[in-house]
Amino acid sequence: MIRVDQMEFVARNSNARVFRINSEMFWSTLQRDSE
């Protein structure tokens, strides 16, 4: 399991906008699947 601080580190050291969009899509997909 990736820790949140590691995800934040990656976001700061890559294209943060793309990372954030992808992570939001990922989490929203998980939430829909779990409902």
PDB file of N, CA and C in Angstrom:
ATOM      1  N   MET A   1       0.846  -1.199   0.000  1.00  0.00           N
ATOM      2  CA  MET A   1       0.000   0.000   0.000  1.00  0.00           C
ATOM      3  C   MET A   1       0.882   1.251   0.000  1.00  0.00           C
ATOM      4  N   ILE A   2       0.614   2.139  -0.926  1.00  0.00           N
ATOM      5  CA  ILE A   2       1.386   3.377  -1.007  1.00  0.00           C
ATOM      6  C   ILE A   2       0.892   4.333   0.066  1.00  0.00           C
ATOM      7  N   ARG A   3       1.830   4.871   0.825  1.00  0.00           N
ATOM      8  CA  ARG A   3       1.452   5.840   1.848  1.00  0.00           C
ATOM      9  C   ARG A   3       1.169   7.195   1.212  1.00  0.00           C
ATOM     10  N   VAL A   4       0.310   7.967   1.875  1.00  0.00           N
ATOM     11  CA  VAL A   4      -0.091   9.265   1.330  1.00  0.00           C
ATOM     12  C   VAL A   4       1.109  10.186   1.185  1.00  0.00           C
ATOM     13  N   ASP A   5       2.043  10.152   2.144  1.00  0.00           N
ATOM     14  CA  ASP A   5       3.192  11.052   2.041  1.00  0.00           C
ATOM     15  C   ASP A   5       4.061  10.694   0.839  1.00  0.00           C
ATOM     16  N   GLN A   6       4.113   9.419   0.487  1.00  0.00           N
ATOM     17  CA  GLN A   6       4.851   9.025  -0.713  1.00  0.00           C
ATOM     18  C   GLN A   6       4.146   9.553  -1.963  1.00  0.00           C
ATOM     19  N   MET A   7       2.818   9.493  -1.953  1.00  0.00           N
ATOM     20  CA  MET A   7       2.057  10.011  -3.088  1.00  0.00           C
ATOM     21  C   MET A   7       2.272  11.508  -3.235  1.00  0.00           C
ATOM     22  N   GLU A   8       2.304  12.214  -2.111  1.00  0.00           N
ATOM     23  CA  GLU A   8       2.554  13.657  -2.148  1.00  0.00           C
ATOM     24  C   GLU A   8       3.951  13.951  -2.675  1.00  0.00           C
ATOM     25  N   PHE A   9       4.920  13.133  -2.288  1.00  0.00           N
ATOM     26  CA  PHE A   9       6.288  13.313  -2.762  1.00  0.00           C
ATOM     27  C   PHE A   9       6.343  13.153  -4.281  1.00  0.00           C
ATOM     28  N   VAL A  10       5.694  12.127  -4.786  1.00  0.00           N
ATOM     29  CA  VAL A  10       5.662  11.902  -6.234  1.00  0.00           C
ATOM     30  C   VAL A  10       4.984  13.074  -6.936  1.00  0.00           C
ATOM     31  N   ALA A  11       3.891  13.557  -6.350  1.00  0.00           N
ATOM     32  CA  ALA A  11       3.142  14.651  -6.965  1.00  0.00           C
ATOM     33  C   ALA A  11       4.003  15.905  -7.085  1.00  0.00           C
ATOM     34  N   ARG A  12       4.828  16.144  -6.075  1.00  0.00           N
ATOM     35  CA  ARG A  12       5.665  17.345  -6.108  1.00  0.00           C
ATOM     36  C   ARG A  12       6.824  17.192  -7.082  1.00  0.00           C
ATOM     37  N   ASN A  13       7.205  15.960  -7.389  1.00  0.00           N
ATOM     38  CA  ASN A  13       8.404  15.740  -8.188  1.00  0.00           C
ATOM     39  C   ASN A  13       8.088  15.222  -9.593  1.00  0.00           C
ATOM     40  N   SER A  14       6.848  15.394 -10.018  1.00  0.00           N
ATOM     41  CA  SER A  14       6.456  15.049 -11.379  1.00  0.00           C
ATOM     42  C   SER A  14       5.431  16.084 -11.826  1.00  0.00           C
ATOM     43  N   ASN A  15       4.656  15.760 -12.837  1.00  0.00           N
ATOM     44  CA  ASN A  15       3.618  16.695 -13.263  1.00  0.00           C
ATOM     45  C   ASN A  15       2.473  16.630 -12.258  1.00  0.00           C
ATOM     46  N   ALA A  16       2.470  17.550 -11.311  1.00  0.00           N
ATOM     47  CA  ALA A  16       1.523  17.482 -10.195  1.00  0.00           C
ATOM     48  C   ALA A  16       0.077  17.545 -10.686  1.00  0.00           C
ATOM     49  N   ARG A  17      -0.175  18.320 -11.705  1.00  0.00           N
ATOM     50  CA  ARG A  17      -1.559  18.450 -12.184  1.00  0.00           C
ATOM     51  C   ARG A  17      -2.063  17.124 -12.739  1.00  0.00           C
ATOM     52  N   VAL A  18      -1.261  16.488 -13.579  1.00  0.00           N
ATOM     53  CA  VAL A  18      -1.669  15.205 -14.163  1.00  0.00           C
ATOM     54  C   VAL A  18      -1.835  14.155 -13.073  1.00  0.00           C
ATOM     55  N   PHE A  19      -0.880  14.139 -12.127  1.00  0.00           N
ATOM     56  CA  PHE A  19      -0.961  13.179 -11.025  1.00  0.00           C
ATOM     57  C   PHE A  19      -2.244  13.368 -10.241  1.00  0.00           C
ATOM     58  N   ARG A  20      -2.574  14.616  -9.954  1.00  0.00           N
ATOM     59  CA  ARG A  20      -3.763  14.891  -9.142  1.00  0.00           C
ATOM     60  C   ARG A  20      -5.026  14.482  -9.878  1.00  0.00           C
ATOM     61  N   ILE A  21      -5.104  14.789 -11.167  1.00  0.00           N
ATOM     62  CA  ILE A  21      -6.277  14.397 -11.951  1.00  0.00           C
ATOM     63  C   ILE A  21      -6.416  12.879 -11.963  1.00  0.00           C
ATOM     64  N   ASN A  22      -5.303  12.184 -12.205  1.00  0.00           N
ATOM     65  CA  ASN A  22      -5.358  10.724 -12.260  1.00  0.00           C
ATOM     66  C   ASN A  22      -5.757  10.135 -10.917  1.00  0.00           C
ATOM     67  N   SER A  23      -5.220  10.671  -9.832  1.00  0.00           N
ATOM     68  CA  SER A  23      -5.548  10.138  -8.511  1.00  0.00           C
ATOM     69  C   SER A  23      -7.014  10.407  -8.169  1.00  0.00           C
ATOM     70  N   GLU A  24      -7.533  11.563  -8.563  1.00  0.00           N
ATOM     71  CA  GLU A  24      -8.942  11.853  -8.306  1.00  0.00           C
ATOM     72  C   GLU A  24      -9.842  10.900  -9.090  1.00  0.00           C
ATOM     73  N   MET A  25      -9.480  10.632 -10.353  1.00  0.00           N
ATOM     74  CA  MET A  25     -10.245   9.675 -11.149  1.00  0.00           C
ATOM     75  C   MET A  25     -10.191   8.292 -10.505  1.00  0.00           C
ATOM     76  N   PHE A  26      -9.003   7.914 -10.029  1.00  0.00           N
ATOM     77  CA  PHE A  26      -8.817   6.605  -9.403  1.00  0.00           C
ATOM     78  C   PHE A  26      -9.681   6.461  -8.161  1.00  0.00           C
ATOM     79  N   TRP A  27      -9.644   7.453  -7.289  1.00  0.00           N
ATOM     80  CA  TRP A  27     -10.408   7.363  -6.040  1.00  0.00           C
ATOM     81  C   TRP A  27     -11.901   7.441  -6.305  1.00  0.00           C
ATOM     82  N   SER A  28     -12.331   8.258  -7.241  1.00  0.00           N
ATOM     83  CA  SER A  28     -13.762   8.343  -7.523  1.00  0.00           C
ATOM     84  C   SER A  28     -14.269   7.027  -8.109  1.00  0.00           C
ATOM     85  N   THR A  29     -13.420   6.352  -8.895  1.00  0.00           N
ATOM     86  CA  THR A  29     -13.786   5.042  -9.436  1.00  0.00           C
ATOM     87  C   THR A  29     -13.919   4.023  -8.313  1.00  0.00           C
ATOM     88  N   LEU A  30     -12.986   4.042  -7.374  1.00  0.00           N
ATOM     89  CA  LEU A  30     -13.062   3.124  -6.227  1.00  0.00           C
ATOM     90  C   LEU A  30     -14.333   3.363  -5.427  1.00  0.00           C
ATOM     91  N   GLN A  31     -14.684   4.626  -5.218  1.00  0.00           N
ATOM     92  CA  GLN A  31     -15.870   4.943  -4.430  1.00  0.00           C
ATOM     93  C   GLN A  31     -17.134   4.465  -5.140  1.00  0.00           C
ATOM     94  N   ARG A  32     -17.197   4.620  -6.456  1.00  0.00           N
ATOM     95  CA  ARG A  32     -18.361   4.137  -7.202  1.00  0.00           C
ATOM     96  C   ARG A  32     -18.446   2.617  -7.118  1.00  0.00           C
ATOM     97  N   ASP A  33     -17.303   1.934  -7.243  1.00  0.00           N
ATOM     98  CA  ASP A  33     -17.305   0.473  -7.209  1.00  0.00           C
ATOM     99  C   ASP A  33     -17.730  -0.055  -5.846  1.00  0.00           C
ATOM    100  N   SER A  34     -17.430   0.686  -4.788  1.00  0.00           N
ATOM    101  CA  SER A  34     -17.714   0.202  -3.435  1.00  0.00           C
ATOM    102  C   SER A  34     -19.163   0.465  -3.022  1.00  0.00           C
ATOM    103  N   GLU A  35     -19.866   1.303  -3.774  1.00  0.00           N
ATOM    104  CA  GLU A  35     -21.248   1.611  -3.393  1.00  0.00           C
ATOM    105  C   GLU A  35     -22.197   0.482  -3.794  1.00  0.00           C
TER     106      GLU A  35
END
